[in-house]
Amino acid sequence: MELGKNIIKIRKENNLTQDDLADKYYVTRQTISNWENGKSYPDLETLLKISDDFNISLDILLKEDRKMIEKIDTSVKATKKYKNILIYVIVGVCLSMFFGYKAFMLNKYSYDKVEMDTNAIFDKIVYVNKEEYDGKRMNIEDMSIANYFEDYTNANPTSLIKVKKNKNQEVESFYSASSMSQYINVLDIESISLGMNDKDYELINTSDSMKKFLDKNEIKNDIDLLMYIKNNYYFKNNIFTLISNMKRNYILNAFADVTIIDFNSIALIKGDITGYIIDINNSSPYSMKEIHILNKNKQYIITLNGEEITNDEFVNKLLSTVEFN
């Protein structure tokens, strides 16, 4: 009842009628009468307004009115409970959306594991010692090697493609040479397509993520990259994997699938030059090898096709003549 008496006191001290007070707080005159007689109580928001409007603290306004204090306490607890429930709902919805999105991305960037013998990567080492060579040479930009292909037909002089045919005009052996940056297109992966189906053919722009990954793992060239794949394949994604890492793992798995799986073996070149030799598994009746010579920021690629020029003796002989201008 104390609250009702205080409302009457406030109203009279400020020369207000019940109608005036009703208009001020958007209620009826009967509601004001019920407050003053203790038949009902203002809600918490209205109480705070009365306290502010007439500069009277809630302590004084509610003094000894136990029923109103209990009602406010119940109201506050109910409000807190509602807020807690609302927070749980919002958090639940956010988590559901987050994991739903992650599940979608996980499916999008999952790459099926391919059975391959990664132990065939650098399963042997080829030691190369440079030897004196005074014969004719061919230039591959700023690198030169012995011209053991003088009797070949120059199929494309610009990119050094030469072909040797037998009497029946069938290709007996094939030679080509070119140069490129040291990386096997990994940093340019966003501009090409990978894989065998629609999902795999999707273009993936993750060059920044890939650069950070290469720096973190000290991958400076092809050899480092191939060794990393040898030691770590398969690159598995899960629901907690960062999206950028999902894309990177997809690229590495796809790269292994569309390249390494076609290699019979990869031999490491050591000694006076650095590089590697790929024994390529192809459908041709002739053997094929790709020699990658690394020097400074470039790699020089020599492709050899045919038994005559892919045997170990010839390859070692050719590599011993390498010179850089």
Protein backbone atom coordinates (compact mmCIF):
# COMPACT_ATOMS: atom_id res chain seq x y z
CA MET A 1 0.00 0.00 0.00
CA GLU A 2 3.00 2.27 0.58
CA LEU A 3 3.43 2.74 -3.18
CA GLY A 4 -0.17 3.88 -3.57
CA LYS A 5 0.26 6.48 -0.82
CA ASN A 6 3.46 7.73 -2.44
CA ILE A 7 1.73 8.11 -5.82
CA ILE A 8 -1.07 10.14 -4.14
CA LYS A 9 1.55 12.30 -2.39
CA ILE A 10 3.47 12.91 -5.62
CA ARG A 11 0.30 13.80 -7.50
CA LYS A 12 -0.96 16.28 -4.90
CA GLU A 13 2.45 17.91 -4.34
CA ASN A 14 2.59 18.59 -8.08
CA ASN A 15 -1.04 19.76 -8.30
CA LEU A 16 -2.01 16.92 -10.66
CA THR A 17 -5.36 15.22 -10.98
CA GLN A 18 -5.73 11.51 -11.63
CA ASP A 19 -6.63 12.42 -15.22
CA ASP A 20 -3.41 14.48 -15.56
CA LEU A 21 -1.30 11.57 -14.30
CA ALA A 22 -3.20 9.13 -16.54
CA ASP A 23 -2.45 11.27 -19.60
CA LYS A 24 1.22 11.54 -18.64
CA TYR A 25 1.72 7.76 -18.52
CA TYR A 26 -0.77 6.77 -21.25
CA VAL A 27 -3.17 4.90 -18.94
CA THR A 28 -6.77 5.45 -17.84
CA ARG A 29 -7.90 7.44 -14.76
CA GLN A 30 -9.24 4.17 -13.32
CA THR A 31 -5.72 2.64 -13.59
CA ILE A 32 -4.31 5.57 -11.57
CA SER A 33 -7.06 5.05 -8.97
CA ASN A 34 -6.17 1.33 -8.75
CA TRP A 35 -2.49 2.19 -8.20
CA GLU A 36 -3.35 4.59 -5.42
CA ASN A 37 -5.69 2.09 -3.73
CA GLY A 38 -3.19 -0.79 -4.01
CA LYS A 39 -5.44 -2.82 -6.27
CA SER A 40 -2.78 -2.97 -9.03
CA TYR A 41 0.73 -1.77 -9.61
CA PRO A 42 2.57 0.11 -12.38
CA ASP A 43 4.91 -1.97 -14.47
CA LEU A 44 8.67 -1.64 -13.96
CA GLU A 45 9.13 0.71 -16.90
CA THR A 46 6.44 3.11 -15.63
CA LEU A 47 7.91 3.03 -12.12
CA LEU A 48 11.28 4.08 -13.51
CA LYS A 49 9.62 6.95 -15.41
CA ILE A 50 7.82 8.15 -12.24
CA SER A 51 11.11 7.99 -10.36
CA ASP A 52 12.88 10.08 -13.02
CA ASP A 53 10.04 12.54 -13.65
CA PHE A 54 9.55 13.46 -10.00
CA ASN A 55 13.14 13.00 -8.86
CA ILE A 56 12.36 10.40 -6.26
CA SER A 57 14.41 7.23 -5.78
CA LEU A 58 12.88 3.78 -6.16
CA ASP A 59 13.91 3.02 -2.59
CA ILE A 60 11.65 5.77 -1.26
CA LEU A 61 8.92 5.11 -3.82
CA LEU A 62 8.67 1.44 -2.88
CA LYS A 63 9.49 1.74 0.81
CA GLU A 64 7.85 -1.10 2.79
CA ASP A 65 5.66 -2.13 -0.18
CA ARG A 66 6.66 -5.79 -0.07
CA LYS A 67 4.16 -6.96 -2.71
CA MET A 68 5.49 -4.51 -5.27
CA ILE A 69 9.09 -5.36 -4.43
CA GLU A 70 8.30 -9.06 -4.90
CA LYS A 71 6.56 -8.30 -8.20
CA ILE A 72 9.57 -6.32 -9.45
CA ASP A 73 11.92 -9.10 -8.36
CA THR A 74 9.83 -11.66 -10.24
CA SER A 75 9.69 -9.39 -13.29
CA VAL A 76 13.46 -8.86 -13.30
CA LYS A 77 14.11 -12.59 -12.98
CA ALA A 78 11.67 -13.30 -15.81
CA THR A 79 13.39 -10.67 -17.96
CA LYS A 80 16.82 -12.20 -17.28
CA LYS A 81 15.50 -15.66 -18.07
CA TYR A 82 14.02 -14.39 -21.32
CA LYS A 83 17.30 -12.69 -22.22
CA ASN A 84 19.26 -15.87 -21.48
CA ILE A 85 16.89 -17.93 -23.62
CA LEU A 86 17.20 -15.35 -26.40
CA ILE A 87 20.99 -15.47 -26.19
CA TYR A 88 20.98 -19.27 -26.37
CA VAL A 89 18.66 -19.16 -29.38
CA ILE A 90 20.82 -16.59 -31.20
CA VAL A 91 24.02 -18.50 -30.42
CA GLY A 92 22.38 -21.73 -31.55
CA VAL A 93 21.23 -20.21 -34.83
CA CYS A 94 24.68 -18.69 -35.46
CA LEU A 95 26.44 -21.98 -34.73
CA SER A 96 23.99 -23.85 -36.95
CA MET A 97 24.60 -21.41 -39.81
CA PHE A 98 28.37 -21.51 -39.26
CA PHE A 99 28.66 -25.30 -39.23
CA GLY A 100 26.16 -25.56 -42.07
CA TYR A 101 28.36 -23.28 -44.17
CA LYS A 102 31.50 -25.17 -43.12
CA ALA A 103 29.84 -28.47 -44.05
CA PHE A 104 28.95 -27.02 -47.47
CA MET A 105 32.52 -25.82 -48.02
CA LEU A 106 33.92 -29.13 -46.74
CA ASN A 107 31.90 -30.97 -49.37
CA LYS A 108 32.90 -28.45 -52.01
CA TYR A 109 36.64 -28.72 -51.35
CA SER A 110 36.92 -32.40 -50.44
CA TYR A 111 39.13 -34.34 -52.83
CA ASP A 112 38.97 -38.14 -52.86
CA LYS A 113 42.22 -39.78 -51.91
CA VAL A 114 43.98 -41.40 -54.87
CA GLU A 115 46.06 -44.49 -54.30
CA MET A 116 49.56 -43.60 -55.44
CA ASP A 117 53.09 -44.57 -54.50
CA THR A 118 54.50 -41.35 -53.07
CA ASN A 119 57.61 -43.31 -52.11
CA ALA A 120 58.47 -43.27 -55.82
CA ILE A 121 59.21 -39.55 -55.41
CA PHE A 122 63.00 -39.20 -55.17
CA ASP A 123 63.39 -42.96 -54.80
CA LYS A 124 66.87 -42.61 -56.27
CA ILE A 125 69.60 -39.99 -56.65
CA VAL A 126 71.49 -39.18 -59.84
CA TYR A 127 74.90 -37.60 -59.25
CA VAL A 128 76.08 -35.36 -62.09
CA ASN A 129 79.67 -34.26 -62.61
CA LYS A 130 80.38 -31.75 -65.35
CA GLU A 131 82.77 -32.92 -68.06
CA GLU A 132 84.69 -31.12 -70.75
CA TYR A 133 82.69 -30.87 -73.96
CA ASP A 134 84.02 -29.06 -77.04
CA GLY A 135 81.32 -30.06 -79.51
CA LYS A 136 78.32 -28.14 -80.77
CA ARG A 137 75.87 -26.76 -78.22
CA MET A 138 72.22 -25.74 -78.05
CA ASN A 139 70.97 -22.78 -76.01
CA ILE A 140 67.86 -22.84 -73.83
CA GLU A 141 67.78 -19.15 -72.98
CA ASP A 142 70.81 -18.66 -70.67
CA MET A 143 71.59 -22.39 -70.34
CA SER A 144 73.36 -24.53 -72.93
CA ILE A 145 73.84 -28.28 -73.40
CA ALA A 146 75.53 -30.55 -75.92
CA ASN A 147 73.74 -30.70 -79.27
CA TYR A 148 73.35 -34.45 -79.60
CA PHE A 149 70.24 -33.79 -81.71
CA GLU A 150 71.91 -32.24 -84.77
CA ASP A 151 70.52 -34.91 -87.08
CA TYR A 152 66.92 -34.32 -85.82
CA THR A 153 64.32 -32.37 -87.77
CA ASN A 154 63.63 -28.95 -86.30
CA ALA A 155 59.87 -29.23 -85.78
CA ASN A 156 59.63 -25.92 -83.95
CA PRO A 157 62.83 -23.83 -83.75
CA THR A 158 61.28 -21.27 -81.39
CA SER A 159 60.79 -23.68 -78.50
CA LEU A 160 63.50 -26.20 -79.49
CA ILE A 161 61.34 -29.12 -80.54
CA LYS A 162 63.17 -31.73 -82.60
CA VAL A 163 62.03 -35.04 -84.03
CA LYS A 164 63.92 -38.05 -85.41
CA LYS A 165 62.07 -40.43 -87.74
CA ASN A 166 62.91 -43.87 -89.08
CA LYS A 167 62.84 -44.94 -92.73
CA ASN A 168 59.07 -45.35 -92.60
CA GLN A 169 58.72 -41.75 -91.41
CA GLU A 170 57.58 -42.92 -87.99
CA VAL A 171 58.75 -40.92 -84.97
CA GLU A 172 61.68 -42.76 -83.44
CA SER A 173 62.63 -40.25 -80.79
CA PHE A 174 61.57 -36.80 -79.73
CA TYR A 175 63.30 -33.94 -77.95
CA SER A 176 62.06 -30.58 -76.66
CA ALA A 177 63.27 -27.89 -74.28
CA SER A 178 61.83 -24.84 -72.55
CA SER A 179 62.15 -22.80 -69.37
CA MET A 180 59.80 -21.44 -66.73
CA SER A 181 59.71 -20.28 -63.11
CA GLN A 182 60.86 -22.73 -60.46
CA TYR A 183 57.38 -23.66 -59.24
CA ILE A 184 55.18 -26.27 -60.94
CA ASN A 185 52.27 -23.86 -61.55
CA VAL A 186 51.21 -24.07 -57.91
CA LEU A 187 51.23 -20.31 -57.48
CA ASP A 188 49.21 -19.91 -60.70
CA ILE A 189 46.71 -22.57 -59.77
CA GLU A 190 43.84 -20.05 -59.60
CA SER A 191 44.03 -19.53 -63.35
CA ILE A 192 43.75 -23.18 -64.38
CA SER A 193 41.32 -26.05 -63.89
CA LEU A 194 42.00 -29.19 -61.93
CA GLY A 195 40.47 -32.63 -61.68
CA MET A 196 38.11 -34.85 -63.56
CA ASN A 197 34.55 -33.65 -62.77
CA ASP A 198 32.53 -30.43 -62.61
CA LYS A 199 33.29 -29.77 -58.96
CA ASP A 200 37.02 -30.31 -59.46
CA TYR A 201 37.09 -28.05 -62.50
CA GLU A 202 36.05 -25.10 -60.39
CA LEU A 203 38.53 -22.26 -60.44
CA ILE A 204 40.08 -21.62 -57.03
CA ASN A 205 41.67 -18.31 -56.16
CA THR A 206 43.95 -18.97 -53.20
CA SER A 207 47.32 -17.62 -54.23
CA ASP A 208 47.77 -15.60 -51.00
CA SER A 209 47.05 -18.63 -48.84
CA MET A 210 49.36 -20.76 -50.96
CA LYS A 211 52.21 -18.24 -50.71
CA LYS A 212 51.92 -18.17 -46.92
CA PHE A 213 51.87 -21.96 -46.87
CA LEU A 214 55.00 -22.19 -49.04
CA ASP A 215 56.84 -19.65 -46.87
CA LYS A 216 55.81 -21.35 -43.62
CA ASN A 217 57.04 -24.74 -44.81
CA GLU A 218 60.17 -23.29 -46.45
CA ILE A 219 59.13 -24.55 -49.89
CA LYS A 220 61.34 -22.59 -52.26
CA ASN A 221 61.21 -24.73 -55.40
CA ASP A 222 59.80 -27.84 -57.04
CA ILE A 223 62.06 -30.18 -55.11
CA ASP A 224 60.88 -28.83 -51.75
CA LEU A 225 57.26 -29.06 -52.90
CA LEU A 226 57.54 -32.64 -54.15
CA MET A 227 59.32 -33.67 -50.96
CA TYR A 228 56.55 -32.08 -48.88
CA ILE A 229 53.90 -34.01 -50.84
CA LYS A 230 55.91 -37.20 -50.47
CA ASN A 231 56.02 -36.80 -46.68
CA ASN A 232 52.49 -35.48 -46.10
CA TYR A 233 50.06 -36.79 -48.75
CA TYR A 234 46.97 -37.06 -48.27
CA PHE A 235 45.86 -33.50 -47.21
CA LYS A 236 42.61 -34.06 -45.32
CA ASN A 237 39.98 -31.43 -44.55
CA ASN A 238 37.52 -31.48 -41.66
CA ILE A 239 34.75 -29.24 -40.31
CA PHE A 240 37.26 -27.23 -38.25
CA THR A 241 39.68 -26.58 -41.14
CA LEU A 242 39.89 -22.92 -42.18
CA ILE A 243 38.24 -22.25 -45.55
CA SER A 244 41.53 -20.97 -47.03
CA ASN A 245 43.28 -24.16 -45.87
CA MET A 246 40.47 -26.29 -47.33
CA LYS A 247 41.12 -24.71 -50.71
CA ARG A 248 44.88 -25.15 -50.37
CA ASN A 249 44.52 -28.83 -49.43
CA TYR A 250 42.18 -29.31 -52.38
CA ILE A 251 44.83 -27.84 -54.70
CA LEU A 252 47.63 -30.02 -53.31
CA ASN A 253 45.50 -33.17 -53.56
CA ALA A 254 44.38 -32.29 -57.09
CA PHE A 255 47.96 -31.48 -58.08
CA ALA A 256 49.12 -34.87 -56.82
CA ASP A 257 46.23 -36.56 -58.62
CA VAL A 258 46.71 -34.99 -62.06
CA THR A 259 50.53 -34.97 -62.06
CA ILE A 260 52.33 -37.30 -59.67
CA ILE A 261 50.02 -40.22 -60.34
CA ASP A 262 51.34 -40.24 -63.93
CA PHE A 263 54.97 -40.55 -62.80
CA ASN A 264 56.68 -43.93 -62.56
CA SER A 265 59.38 -42.34 -60.44
CA ILE A 266 61.14 -39.06 -59.70
CA ALA A 267 64.93 -39.10 -59.30
CA LEU A 268 66.79 -36.30 -57.54
CA ILE A 269 69.74 -34.70 -59.37
CA LYS A 270 72.70 -33.80 -57.17
CA GLY A 271 76.29 -32.79 -57.79
CA ASP A 272 77.32 -29.96 -60.09
CA ILE A 273 73.70 -29.20 -61.02
CA THR A 274 70.41 -29.35 -59.11
CA GLY A 275 67.11 -30.73 -60.35
CA TYR A 276 65.11 -33.89 -60.83
CA ILE A 277 64.23 -36.44 -63.52
CA ILE A 278 60.67 -37.67 -64.01
CA ASP A 279 60.08 -41.08 -65.54
CA ILE A 280 56.65 -40.50 -67.08
CA ASN A 281 54.04 -43.23 -67.28
CA ASN A 282 52.39 -42.68 -70.67
CA SER A 283 50.40 -44.66 -73.19
CA SER A 284 53.11 -44.31 -75.81
CA PRO A 285 55.14 -47.42 -76.71
CA TYR A 286 58.24 -45.27 -76.18
CA SER A 287 59.65 -44.32 -72.82
CA MET A 288 59.54 -40.66 -71.81
CA LYS A 289 61.57 -38.65 -69.34
CA GLU A 290 61.38 -35.05 -68.24
CA ILE A 291 64.54 -33.40 -66.91
CA HIS A 292 64.04 -30.36 -64.68
CA ILE A 293 67.22 -28.37 -64.05
CA LEU A 294 66.94 -25.66 -61.37
CA ASN A 295 69.17 -22.61 -61.35
CA LYS A 296 68.54 -19.33 -59.55
CA ASN A 297 64.90 -18.37 -60.17
CA LYS A 298 64.38 -20.58 -63.22
CA GLN A 299 63.91 -24.19 -64.18
CA TYR A 300 64.84 -25.61 -67.56
CA ILE A 301 62.69 -28.48 -68.80
CA ILE A 302 64.06 -31.01 -71.26
CA THR A 303 61.66 -33.67 -72.53
CA LEU A 304 63.10 -36.86 -74.00
CA ASN A 305 61.02 -39.50 -75.79
CA GLY A 306 62.38 -42.78 -77.18
CA GLU A 307 64.65 -45.56 -75.94
CA GLU A 308 67.67 -44.08 -77.69
CA ILE A 309 67.68 -40.91 -75.59
CA THR A 310 65.91 -41.89 -72.33
CA ASN A 311 68.36 -44.50 -71.07
CA ASP A 312 70.37 -43.58 -67.97
CA GLU A 313 73.70 -43.48 -69.82
CA PHE A 314 72.51 -40.91 -72.37
CA VAL A 315 70.71 -38.78 -69.74
CA ASN A 316 73.83 -38.62 -67.52
CA LYS A 317 76.00 -37.84 -70.56
CA LEU A 318 73.66 -34.98 -71.55
CA LEU A 319 73.49 -33.54 -68.04
CA SER A 320 77.28 -33.52 -67.72
CA THR A 321 77.45 -30.88 -70.50
CA VAL A 322 75.11 -28.33 -68.85
CA GLU A 323 76.53 -24.78 -68.68
CA PHE A 324 74.95 -21.52 -67.53
CA ASN A 325 75.86 -18.26 -69.28
